[in-house]
Protein backbone atom coordinates (compact mmCIF):
# COMPACT_ATOMS: atom_id res chain seq x y z
CA MET A 1 -35.59 -45.22 -22.47
CA LYS A 2 -37.67 -48.23 -23.25
CA LYS A 3 -39.12 -46.49 -26.61
CA LEU A 4 -35.44 -45.91 -27.27
CA PHE A 5 -34.33 -49.71 -26.89
CA THR A 6 -37.54 -50.76 -28.85
CA ALA A 7 -36.82 -48.41 -31.77
CA PHE A 8 -33.07 -49.32 -31.63
CA LEU A 9 -34.16 -53.31 -31.67
CA VAL A 10 -36.82 -52.48 -34.83
CA PHE A 11 -34.03 -50.46 -36.73
CA MET A 12 -31.46 -53.42 -36.33
CA PHE A 13 -33.95 -56.07 -37.37
CA PHE A 14 -34.89 -54.19 -40.52
CA CYS A 15 -31.37 -52.83 -41.23
CA SER A 16 -30.09 -56.49 -41.16
CA GLN A 17 -32.68 -57.32 -44.00
CA LEU A 18 -31.19 -54.68 -46.41
CA PRO A 19 -28.93 -56.08 -49.03
CA ALA A 20 -25.40 -54.89 -49.04
CA ALA A 21 -24.21 -53.01 -51.87
CA SER A 22 -23.73 -55.59 -54.76
CA GLY A 23 -20.22 -55.03 -56.28
CA PRO A 24 -18.19 -57.75 -58.22
CA ASP A 25 -16.07 -60.25 -56.41
CA GLN A 26 -12.97 -61.65 -57.66
CA GLN A 27 -14.55 -65.01 -59.05
CA HIS A 28 -16.74 -62.32 -61.36
CA ASN A 29 -13.54 -60.40 -62.16
CA ASP A 30 -11.61 -63.58 -63.33
CA LYS A 31 -14.94 -64.88 -65.40
CA ILE A 32 -14.90 -61.47 -67.28
CA LYS A 33 -10.97 -61.78 -67.83
CA LYS A 34 -11.48 -65.27 -69.45
CA LYS A 35 -14.27 -63.99 -71.62
CA VAL A 36 -11.88 -60.92 -72.62
CA ALA A 37 -8.94 -63.29 -73.50
CA GLU A 38 -11.21 -65.38 -75.47
CA CYS A 39 -12.71 -62.57 -77.58
CA ILE A 40 -9.11 -61.28 -78.38
CA ALA A 41 -8.07 -64.89 -79.45
CA HIS A 42 -11.09 -65.19 -81.69
CA SER A 43 -11.60 -61.48 -82.77
CA ARG A 44 -14.96 -61.41 -81.76
CA ARG A 45 -17.30 -58.50 -81.59
CA VAL A 46 -19.03 -57.95 -78.15
CA THR A 47 -21.95 -56.41 -76.37
CA ILE A 48 -20.65 -55.21 -72.85
CA GLU A 49 -23.04 -54.10 -70.23
CA THR A 50 -21.66 -52.19 -67.13
CA TYR A 51 -22.63 -51.88 -63.65
CA ASP A 52 -23.80 -48.06 -64.43
CA ASP A 53 -25.75 -49.12 -67.10
CA ARG A 54 -24.06 -48.61 -70.20
CA LEU A 55 -24.39 -50.80 -73.17
CA LEU A 56 -21.07 -50.87 -75.55
CA GLN A 57 -20.53 -52.77 -78.55
CA GLY A 58 -17.12 -53.26 -80.31
CA SER A 59 -14.19 -55.52 -80.28
CA VAL A 60 -11.76 -56.06 -77.71
CA ASP A 61 -8.22 -54.67 -78.72
CA GLU A 62 -5.73 -55.31 -75.75
CA ALA A 63 -6.18 -56.69 -72.23
CA GLY A 64 -4.17 -55.77 -68.86
CA PRO A 65 -4.14 -57.22 -65.43
CA ASP A 66 -6.76 -54.53 -64.53
CA THR A 67 -8.40 -53.06 -67.54
CA PHE A 68 -8.85 -53.72 -71.08
CA VAL A 69 -9.56 -51.58 -74.13
CA LEU A 70 -12.66 -51.86 -76.15
CA ILE A 71 -12.76 -50.38 -79.81
CA GLY A 72 -16.39 -49.23 -81.07
CA SER A 73 -18.00 -46.76 -83.01
CA GLY A 74 -17.60 -44.35 -80.20
CA GLY A 75 -13.77 -44.70 -80.41
CA MET A 76 -11.61 -46.33 -77.88
CA THR A 77 -12.93 -47.03 -74.35
CA LYS A 78 -10.88 -48.32 -71.33
CA LEU A 79 -12.59 -50.52 -69.06
CA LYS A 80 -12.04 -52.14 -65.62
CA TYR A 81 -12.99 -55.63 -65.42
CA SER A 82 -14.67 -54.80 -62.25
CA ASP A 83 -16.96 -52.34 -64.24
CA VAL A 84 -18.11 -55.11 -66.54
CA LYS A 85 -21.60 -56.87 -65.59
CA ASN A 86 -21.91 -59.01 -68.49
CA ILE A 87 -19.83 -59.56 -71.90
CA LYS A 88 -21.75 -61.66 -74.62
CA TRP A 89 -21.04 -62.31 -78.20
CA PRO A 90 -23.66 -63.57 -81.04
CA SER A 91 -23.45 -67.34 -81.23
CA PRO A 92 -22.16 -68.48 -84.60
CA HIS A 93 -25.34 -70.79 -84.78
CA VAL A 94 -27.81 -67.69 -84.40
CA LYS A 95 -26.13 -66.24 -87.45
CA THR A 96 -26.39 -69.45 -89.44
CA GLY A 97 -29.92 -69.88 -88.61
CA ILE A 98 -30.63 -66.38 -89.63
CA VAL A 99 -29.06 -67.00 -92.99
CA ILE A 100 -30.93 -70.27 -93.64
CA ALA A 101 -34.12 -68.45 -92.95
CA ILE A 102 -33.51 -65.62 -95.07
CA VAL A 103 -32.68 -68.24 -97.91
CA VAL A 104 -35.74 -70.44 -96.92
CA GLY A 105 -37.86 -67.47 -97.14
CA GLY A 106 -36.56 -66.25 -100.55
CA LEU A 107 -36.90 -69.64 -101.94
CA VAL A 108 -40.56 -69.90 -101.00
CA GLY A 109 -41.21 -66.26 -102.23
CA LEU A 110 -39.63 -67.04 -105.65
CA THR A 111 -41.78 -70.26 -105.70
CA VAL A 112 -45.02 -68.59 -105.12
CA LEU A 113 -44.09 -65.89 -107.59
CA LEU A 114 -43.24 -68.63 -110.12
CA GLY A 115 -46.49 -70.38 -109.30
CA ARG A 116 -48.55 -67.50 -109.99
CA GLY A 117 -46.92 -66.81 -113.32
CA LEU A 118 -47.51 -70.34 -114.36
CA ARG A 119 -51.24 -70.17 -113.73
CA GLU A 120 -51.66 -67.22 -115.85
């Protein structure tokens, strides 16, 4: 009886340390709804990560109270807000930085080529 009681106490101690299943709470769902509404308002292309480790890309077409529709290269996908782990889109500053880097790189390359041509 003493061994059974000890085993029970050890079991209770370690089981209380196990994390509970991490599902999205209402606050997370509201955050995703807000981001989806913003995507629709600004016609943004998004990358969506789901809790089942899918990575989807496309644009949000319509949104309802519990679900929204993502249109991508794979067609239409209906998603629940509670299925979405993260939703993000590229910053306009990143796009601008990439364009500037390409232009500057092209100008440097052109200068180097022209500088070699003048020496010869």
